[in-house]
Structure formats: C-alpha cells, structure tokens
N, C-alpha and C. Protein backbone atom coordinates (compact mmCIF):
# COMPACT_ATOMS: atom_id res chain seq x y z
N MET A 1 0.86 -1.02 0.15
CA MET A 1 -0.11 0.00 -0.19
C MET A 1 1.05 1.08 0.01
N LEU A 2 0.61 1.86 -0.79
CA LEU A 2 1.44 3.62 -0.73
C LEU A 2 0.45 4.48 0.21
N GLY A 3 1.22 5.43 0.58
CA GLY A 3 0.99 6.41 1.37
C GLY A 3 1.79 6.31 2.68
N ARG A 4 1.46 6.65 3.87
CA ARG A 4 2.25 7.14 5.06
C ARG A 4 1.45 6.70 6.23
N PHE A 5 1.88 6.12 7.16
CA PHE A 5 1.14 5.72 8.47
C PHE A 5 0.60 6.61 9.04
N GLN A 6 -0.80 6.62 9.53
CA GLN A 6 -1.24 7.65 10.05
C GLN A 6 -2.12 7.27 11.23
N ARG A 7 -2.30 8.07 12.43
CA ARG A 7 -3.11 7.64 13.61
C ARG A 7 -3.75 8.89 14.49
N SER A 8 -5.05 8.70 14.76
CA SER A 8 -5.98 9.66 15.42
C SER A 8 -6.82 9.02 16.15
N CYS A 9 -6.86 9.73 17.52
CA CYS A 9 -8.11 9.18 18.20
C CYS A 9 -8.62 10.62 18.71
N LEU A 10 -10.19 10.71 18.37
CA LEU A 10 -10.89 11.78 18.67
C LEU A 10 -12.01 11.25 19.44
N ARG A 11 -12.49 12.12 20.56
CA ARG A 11 -13.85 11.84 21.42
C ARG A 11 -14.59 13.09 21.37
N LEU A 12 -15.63 12.82 21.09
CA LEU A 12 -16.59 13.57 21.04
C LEU A 12 -17.96 13.71 22.08
N GLU A 13 -18.58 15.00 22.39
CA GLU A 13 -19.60 14.72 23.22
C GLU A 13 -20.99 14.74 22.15
N VAL A 14 -21.90 14.00 22.42
CA VAL A 14 -22.93 13.78 21.43
C VAL A 14 -24.29 13.91 22.60
N PRO A 15 -25.26 14.48 21.63
CA PRO A 15 -26.58 14.71 22.60
C PRO A 15 -27.65 13.41 22.58
N ALA A 16 -27.04 12.34 23.00
CA ALA A 16 -27.77 10.94 22.52
C ALA A 16 -27.34 9.57 23.82
N PRO A 17 -28.28 9.46 23.90
CA PRO A 17 -27.78 8.26 25.07
C PRO A 17 -26.97 7.05 24.11
N GLY A 18 -26.52 6.13 24.66
CA GLY A 18 -25.39 5.08 24.29
C GLY A 18 -25.92 4.11 23.38
N ALA A 19 -27.15 3.70 23.44
CA ALA A 19 -27.91 2.89 22.52
C ALA A 19 -27.97 3.65 21.57
N ALA A 20 -28.68 4.83 21.28
CA ALA A 20 -28.81 5.51 20.00
C ALA A 20 -27.63 5.67 19.23
N VAL A 21 -26.86 6.00 19.90
CA VAL A 21 -25.08 6.14 19.48
C VAL A 21 -24.55 4.83 18.80
N GLY A 22 -25.08 3.65 19.64
CA GLY A 22 -24.70 2.35 18.93
C GLY A 22 -25.49 2.26 17.79
N GLN A 23 -26.68 2.49 17.77
CA GLN A 23 -27.70 2.53 16.59
C GLN A 23 -27.39 3.02 15.17
N ALA A 24 -26.98 4.29 15.62
CA ALA A 24 -26.17 5.01 14.58
C ALA A 24 -24.82 4.36 13.75
N LEU A 25 -23.96 3.82 14.72
CA LEU A 25 -22.84 2.93 13.96
C LEU A 25 -23.08 1.57 13.56
N THR A 26 -24.28 1.08 13.92
CA THR A 26 -24.25 -0.14 13.47
C THR A 26 -25.65 -0.67 12.79
N ARG A 27 -26.52 0.02 12.36
CA ARG A 27 -27.84 -0.08 11.42
C ARG A 27 -27.50 0.70 10.12
N ALA A 28 -27.31 -0.33 9.00
CA ALA A 28 -26.95 0.26 7.80
C ALA A 28 -27.97 1.64 7.28
N SER A 29 -29.24 1.28 7.83
CA SER A 29 -30.09 2.64 7.26
C SER A 29 -29.53 3.91 7.91
N GLN A 30 -29.37 4.06 9.20
CA GLN A 30 -28.54 5.20 9.69
C GLN A 30 -27.55 5.29 8.94
N LEU A 31 -26.44 4.61 8.92
CA LEU A 31 -24.87 4.97 8.49
C LEU A 31 -25.31 5.75 7.30
N ARG A 32 -26.27 4.97 6.23
CA ARG A 32 -26.54 5.64 5.15
C ARG A 32 -26.78 7.04 5.13
N GLN A 33 -27.33 7.50 6.11
CA GLN A 33 -27.80 8.69 6.28
C GLN A 33 -26.56 9.59 6.75
N TRP A 34 -26.05 9.43 7.85
CA TRP A 34 -25.20 10.30 8.28
C TRP A 34 -23.65 9.99 7.52
N LEU A 35 -23.46 9.05 6.74
CA LEU A 35 -22.02 9.37 6.03
C LEU A 35 -22.40 9.62 4.68
N ALA A 36 -23.61 10.07 4.09
CA ALA A 36 -23.92 10.32 2.88
C ALA A 36 -22.70 11.68 2.58
N PRO A 37 -21.96 11.67 1.61
CA PRO A 37 -22.55 11.14 0.27
C PRO A 37 -21.91 10.24 0.01
N GLN A 38 -21.20 9.36 1.04
CA GLN A 38 -20.31 8.10 0.81
C GLN A 38 -21.56 7.09 0.30
N TYR A 39 -21.31 6.16 -0.49
CA TYR A 39 -21.96 5.05 -0.95
C TYR A 39 -21.99 3.59 -0.51
N PHE A 40 -22.45 2.81 -0.13
CA PHE A 40 -22.28 1.46 0.34
C PHE A 40 -22.50 0.43 -0.61
N GLY A 41 -21.78 -0.52 -0.84
CA GLY A 41 -21.79 -1.65 -1.65
C GLY A 41 -23.48 -2.47 -1.50
N LEU A 42 -23.47 -3.35 -2.39
CA LEU A 42 -24.94 -3.99 -2.53
C LEU A 42 -24.85 -4.86 -1.36
N GLY A 43 -25.90 -5.42 -0.82
CA GLY A 43 -26.00 -6.57 -0.07
C GLY A 43 -25.56 -6.38 1.44
N LEU A 44 -25.71 -5.13 1.77
CA LEU A 44 -25.32 -4.55 3.32
C LEU A 44 -26.63 -5.01 4.11
N PRO A 45 -26.27 -5.89 5.25
CA PRO A 45 -27.89 -6.17 6.04
C PRO A 45 -28.22 -5.08 6.83
N GLU A 46 -29.28 -5.18 7.42
CA GLU A 46 -29.85 -3.87 8.12
C GLU A 46 -28.66 -3.68 9.34
N ARG A 47 -28.38 -4.81 9.97
CA ARG A 47 -27.50 -4.56 10.99
C ARG A 47 -26.21 -5.25 11.02
N LEU A 48 -25.13 -4.56 11.32
CA LEU A 48 -23.70 -5.19 11.31
C LEU A 48 -23.62 -6.12 12.00
N THR A 49 -22.77 -7.47 11.77
CA THR A 49 -22.62 -8.42 12.59
C THR A 49 -20.95 -8.83 12.67
N GLN A 50 -20.66 -9.58 13.61
CA GLN A 50 -19.10 -9.68 13.48
C GLN A 50 -19.00 -10.85 12.32
N GLY A 51 -17.64 -10.46 11.67
CA GLY A 51 -17.56 -11.21 10.37
C GLY A 51 -17.94 -10.57 9.26
N LEU A 52 -18.76 -9.83 9.12
CA LEU A 52 -19.40 -9.22 8.30
C LEU A 52 -18.61 -8.11 7.27
N THR A 53 -18.50 -8.45 5.76
CA THR A 53 -17.34 -7.53 4.95
C THR A 53 -18.12 -6.82 4.03
N PHE A 54 -18.06 -5.49 3.74
CA PHE A 54 -19.05 -4.38 3.32
C PHE A 54 -17.75 -3.33 2.38
N THR A 55 -18.26 -2.92 1.78
CA THR A 55 -17.50 -1.85 1.06
C THR A 55 -18.09 -0.65 1.13
N THR A 56 -17.51 0.85 1.26
CA THR A 56 -17.81 2.08 1.13
C THR A 56 -17.23 2.90 -0.11
N GLY A 57 -17.57 3.94 -0.36
CA GLY A 57 -16.84 4.53 -1.42
C GLY A 57 -17.63 6.24 -1.43
N LEU A 58 -16.30 6.91 -2.14
CA LEU A 58 -16.55 8.18 -2.26
C LEU A 58 -16.07 8.81 -3.67
N GLY A 59 -16.40 8.73 -4.79
CA GLY A 59 -16.15 8.90 -5.96
C GLY A 59 -15.31 7.78 -6.23
N LEU A 60 -13.96 7.85 -6.80
CA LEU A 60 -13.30 6.49 -6.93
C LEU A 60 -12.65 5.69 -5.93
N LEU A 61 -12.69 6.55 -4.79
CA LEU A 61 -12.06 6.01 -3.71
C LEU A 61 -13.08 4.73 -2.93
N THR A 62 -12.41 3.47 -3.15
CA THR A 62 -13.13 2.63 -2.28
C THR A 62 -12.43 1.76 -0.94
N ILE A 63 -13.43 1.82 0.21
CA ILE A 63 -12.87 1.02 1.27
C ILE A 63 -13.54 -0.05 1.57
N GLU A 64 -12.74 -1.30 1.77
CA GLU A 64 -13.40 -2.51 2.24
C GLU A 64 -13.41 -2.45 3.73
N HIS A 65 -14.42 -2.99 4.28
CA HIS A 65 -14.58 -2.90 5.95
C HIS A 65 -14.93 -4.24 6.35
N ARG A 66 -14.07 -4.92 7.14
CA ARG A 66 -14.43 -6.03 7.99
C ARG A 66 -14.63 -5.71 9.28
N VAL A 67 -16.05 -6.16 9.95
CA VAL A 67 -16.54 -6.06 11.01
C VAL A 67 -15.56 -7.10 12.21
N ASP A 68 -14.34 -6.58 12.71
CA ASP A 68 -13.62 -7.47 13.39
C ASP A 68 -14.48 -8.01 14.82
N TYR A 69 -14.83 -6.71 15.40
CA TYR A 69 -15.25 -6.95 16.86
C TYR A 69 -16.70 -6.11 16.89
N LEU A 70 -17.48 -6.69 17.66
CA LEU A 70 -18.85 -5.86 17.66
C LEU A 70 -19.71 -6.36 18.95
N SER A 71 -19.45 -5.31 20.12
CA SER A 71 -20.48 -5.24 21.37
C SER A 71 -21.33 -4.29 21.36
N ASP A 72 -22.00 -4.17 22.81
CA ASP A 72 -23.02 -3.24 23.09
C ASP A 72 -22.66 -1.85 22.90
N ASN A 73 -20.92 -1.87 23.05
CA ASN A 73 -20.26 -0.50 23.25
C ASN A 73 -19.21 -0.28 22.50
N ALA A 74 -18.95 -1.21 21.53
CA ALA A 74 -17.68 -1.11 20.67
C ALA A 74 -17.70 -1.68 19.62
N LEU A 75 -16.91 -0.96 18.45
CA LEU A 75 -17.07 -1.72 17.31
C LEU A 75 -15.65 -1.59 16.58
N ARG A 76 -15.02 -2.76 16.08
CA ARG A 76 -13.76 -2.24 15.53
C ARG A 76 -13.79 -2.93 13.95
N LEU A 77 -13.61 -2.15 12.98
CA LEU A 77 -13.33 -2.55 11.61
C LEU A 77 -12.11 -2.71 11.12
N LEU A 78 -11.98 -3.74 10.49
CA LEU A 78 -10.43 -3.83 9.63
C LEU A 78 -10.71 -3.29 8.00
N LEU A 79 -9.90 -2.15 7.69
CA LEU A 79 -9.97 -1.47 6.57
C LEU A 79 -8.86 -2.08 5.55
N SER A 80 -9.14 -2.05 4.25
CA SER A 80 -8.27 -2.56 3.43
C SER A 80 -8.73 -1.65 2.21
N ARG A 81 -7.98 -1.40 1.15
CA ARG A 81 -8.18 -1.04 -0.50
C ARG A 81 -7.53 0.05 -0.12
N GLY A 82 -8.61 1.41 0.01
CA GLY A 82 -8.21 2.85 -0.22
C GLY A 82 -7.40 3.40 1.46
N VAL A 83 -7.38 2.67 2.33
CA VAL A 83 -6.97 2.64 3.73
C VAL A 83 -6.49 1.14 4.10
N ASP A 84 -5.33 0.93 4.48
CA ASP A 84 -4.79 -0.08 5.13
C ASP A 84 -4.80 -0.07 6.73
N GLY A 85 -5.60 -0.50 7.43
CA GLY A 85 -5.51 -0.37 9.12
C GLY A 85 -6.99 -0.93 9.55
N PHE A 86 -7.09 0.20 10.43
CA PHE A 86 -8.24 -0.39 11.36
C PHE A 86 -8.98 1.15 12.19
N GLN A 87 -10.39 0.89 12.32
CA GLN A 87 -10.93 1.83 13.03
C GLN A 87 -11.90 1.53 14.32
N GLU A 88 -11.42 2.05 15.54
CA GLU A 88 -12.14 1.37 16.42
C GLU A 88 -13.40 2.09 17.00
N TRP A 89 -14.36 2.10 17.17
CA TRP A 89 -15.65 2.83 17.55
C TRP A 89 -15.92 2.34 19.26
N SER A 90 -15.92 3.37 19.93
CA SER A 90 -16.37 3.06 21.38
C SER A 90 -17.41 4.28 21.91
N TRP A 91 -18.64 3.95 22.61
CA TRP A 91 -19.45 4.69 22.68
C TRP A 91 -20.15 4.31 24.22
N GLY A 92 -20.78 5.74 24.34
CA GLY A 92 -21.53 5.68 25.82
C GLY A 92 -22.53 6.64 26.27
N ASP A 93 -23.01 7.11 27.19
CA ASP A 93 -24.38 7.66 26.99
C ASP A 93 -23.47 9.28 26.83
N GLY A 94 -23.91 10.07 25.61
CA GLY A 94 -23.45 11.53 25.86
C GLY A 94 -22.00 11.61 25.24
N TRP A 95 -21.72 10.47 24.29
CA TRP A 95 -19.94 10.32 24.07
C TRP A 95 -19.83 9.67 22.93
N ALA A 96 -19.00 9.52 22.04
CA ALA A 96 -18.57 8.54 21.08
C ALA A 96 -17.15 8.95 20.66
N GLN A 97 -16.43 7.88 20.76
CA GLN A 97 -14.77 8.07 20.28
C GLN A 97 -14.57 7.17 19.11
N SER A 98 -13.61 7.44 18.45
CA SER A 98 -12.93 6.84 17.00
C SER A 98 -11.44 6.90 17.32
N ARG A 99 -10.99 5.73 17.08
CA ARG A 99 -9.50 5.60 16.91
C ARG A 99 -9.21 5.25 15.60
N LEU A 100 -8.39 5.58 14.75
CA LEU A 100 -8.20 5.30 13.40
C LEU A 100 -6.66 5.27 13.25
N GLU A 101 -6.13 4.04 12.74
CA GLU A 101 -4.83 3.82 12.41
C GLU A 101 -4.53 2.88 11.06
N GLY A 102 -3.66 3.74 10.30
CA GLY A 102 -3.87 3.18 8.87
C GLY A 102 -2.54 3.81 8.06
N ILE A 103 -2.41 3.06 7.00
CA ILE A 103 -1.58 3.54 6.04
C ILE A 103 -2.61 3.83 4.61
N SER A 104 -2.10 5.40 4.13
CA SER A 104 -3.09 5.86 3.47
C SER A 104 -2.34 6.91 2.44
N LEU A 105 -2.93 7.35 1.49
CA LEU A 105 -2.50 8.78 0.83
C LEU A 105 -3.50 10.01 1.02
N LEU A 106 -4.59 9.28 1.81
CA LEU A 106 -5.59 10.03 2.13
C LEU A 106 -5.16 10.93 3.50
N PRO A 107 -5.63 12.13 4.02
CA PRO A 107 -5.59 12.74 5.32
C PRO A 107 -6.61 12.49 6.12
N LEU A 108 -6.28 11.03 6.86
CA LEU A 108 -7.26 10.35 7.78
C LEU A 108 -7.81 11.10 8.76
N ASN A 109 -6.93 12.01 9.44
CA ASN A 109 -7.42 12.78 10.58
C ASN A 109 -8.28 13.72 10.16
N LEU A 110 -8.43 14.18 8.94
CA LEU A 110 -9.68 15.32 8.53
C LEU A 110 -10.85 14.26 8.08
N ALA A 111 -10.51 13.21 7.44
CA ALA A 111 -11.74 12.52 7.36
C ALA A 111 -12.72 11.76 8.48
N GLN A 112 -11.75 11.47 9.57
CA GLN A 112 -12.02 11.19 10.84
C GLN A 112 -13.03 12.27 11.64
N THR A 113 -12.35 13.81 11.56
CA THR A 113 -12.83 14.72 12.12
C THR A 113 -14.47 14.76 11.25
N ALA A 114 -14.51 14.78 10.25
CA ALA A 114 -15.66 15.24 9.17
C ALA A 114 -16.79 13.90 9.96
N CYS A 115 -16.11 13.17 9.89
CA CYS A 115 -17.13 11.62 10.29
C CYS A 115 -17.77 11.83 11.43
N LEU A 116 -16.97 12.31 12.38
CA LEU A 116 -17.35 12.34 13.93
C LEU A 116 -18.63 13.62 14.13
N TRP A 117 -18.17 14.57 13.12
CA TRP A 117 -19.15 15.60 13.01
C TRP A 117 -20.27 15.70 12.57
N ARG A 118 -20.23 14.84 11.16
CA ARG A 118 -21.54 14.12 11.01
C ARG A 118 -22.35 13.54 11.71
N LEU A 119 -21.78 12.53 12.67
CA LEU A 119 -22.39 11.82 13.50
C LEU A 119 -23.01 12.72 14.55
N ARG A 120 -22.07 13.60 15.00
CA ARG A 120 -22.93 14.56 16.03
C ARG A 120 -24.37 15.18 15.82
N GLN A 121 -23.99 15.60 14.25
CA GLN A 121 -25.05 16.33 13.79
C GLN A 121 -26.26 15.46 13.32
N PHE A 122 -26.15 14.07 13.01
CA PHE A 122 -27.62 13.12 12.79
C PHE A 122 -27.90 12.99 14.01
N LEU A 123 -27.04 12.50 15.00
CA LEU A 123 -27.82 12.35 16.56
C LEU A 123 -28.64 13.59 17.03
N GLU A 124 -27.95 14.83 17.06
CA GLU A 124 -28.53 15.94 17.28
C GLU A 124 -30.23 16.15 16.32
N SER A 125 -30.19 15.98 15.02
CA SER A 125 -31.48 15.97 14.41
C SER A 125 -32.27 14.81 14.82
N GLU A 126 -31.77 13.53 14.96
CA GLU A 126 -32.77 12.60 15.78
C GLU A 126 -33.57 12.68 16.90
N ARG A 127 -33.36 13.91 17.91
CA ARG A 127 -33.53 14.09 19.00
C ARG A 127 -35.27 14.78 19.03
C-alpha cells in the first residue's frame, strides 16, 4: 500500500444516549444517512454483525470494511483498499470515540473529524 502511516484518536460529546449512538454506528439505514454522500456496496444487511465484510466509497475511492469485533458499546473495523488499517469505535451516554490507524495517501485525521462531526449532527437531528 502506498501512503504514510497515520493515527488519530478523537472523542466527541454527542447529545444522545449510548443506545442511540450504537444504533447510528451499527444499523445500515442510519449509517447511510449520516455518512452521505458515501455510498455502500450492495447486499449490506440492516445490522452489522461480526465477520461481515462490506464496501464504502466516495468518488473513485473504495474502502473495504470487515467487522472484526462488535459489542454493545464498541465496534472494530479492519480496513483495506483505500486505507490499510483499522478503525475502532466506542461509545456511551453522551459521547462517541473513534480511533483510526492506517496507511493511506488520504488525510485520515481530516476524514475522521468530518465523520465524527456528521455523526453528531445526525444524532442532534434525531432528538
């Protein structure tokens, strides 16, 4: 993989209980809403499950995700193609945290910040 190794860990207050944050991160219908304009590959089930592999993309960039771990308050995705690495999510009442490590040509910290911001906006609109 071409690129440079990058890592970032961001935590953000969100106006929602932990269960709502978890649903926003693990239900396909909600992921599609707050991650727009990213697109999702065909065949994504409504709920993420451990072992599931799916693709997302934005323009010509495609990232493959494999759900490595999933619990009531944590999610770990192994990433390949556009980013070689992983993203870990953890959450609780009023907060969400994302840890991202990988090799990519893309500015991962910028993408991660935008992702968390969109999640927060989505959860505010759902109140």
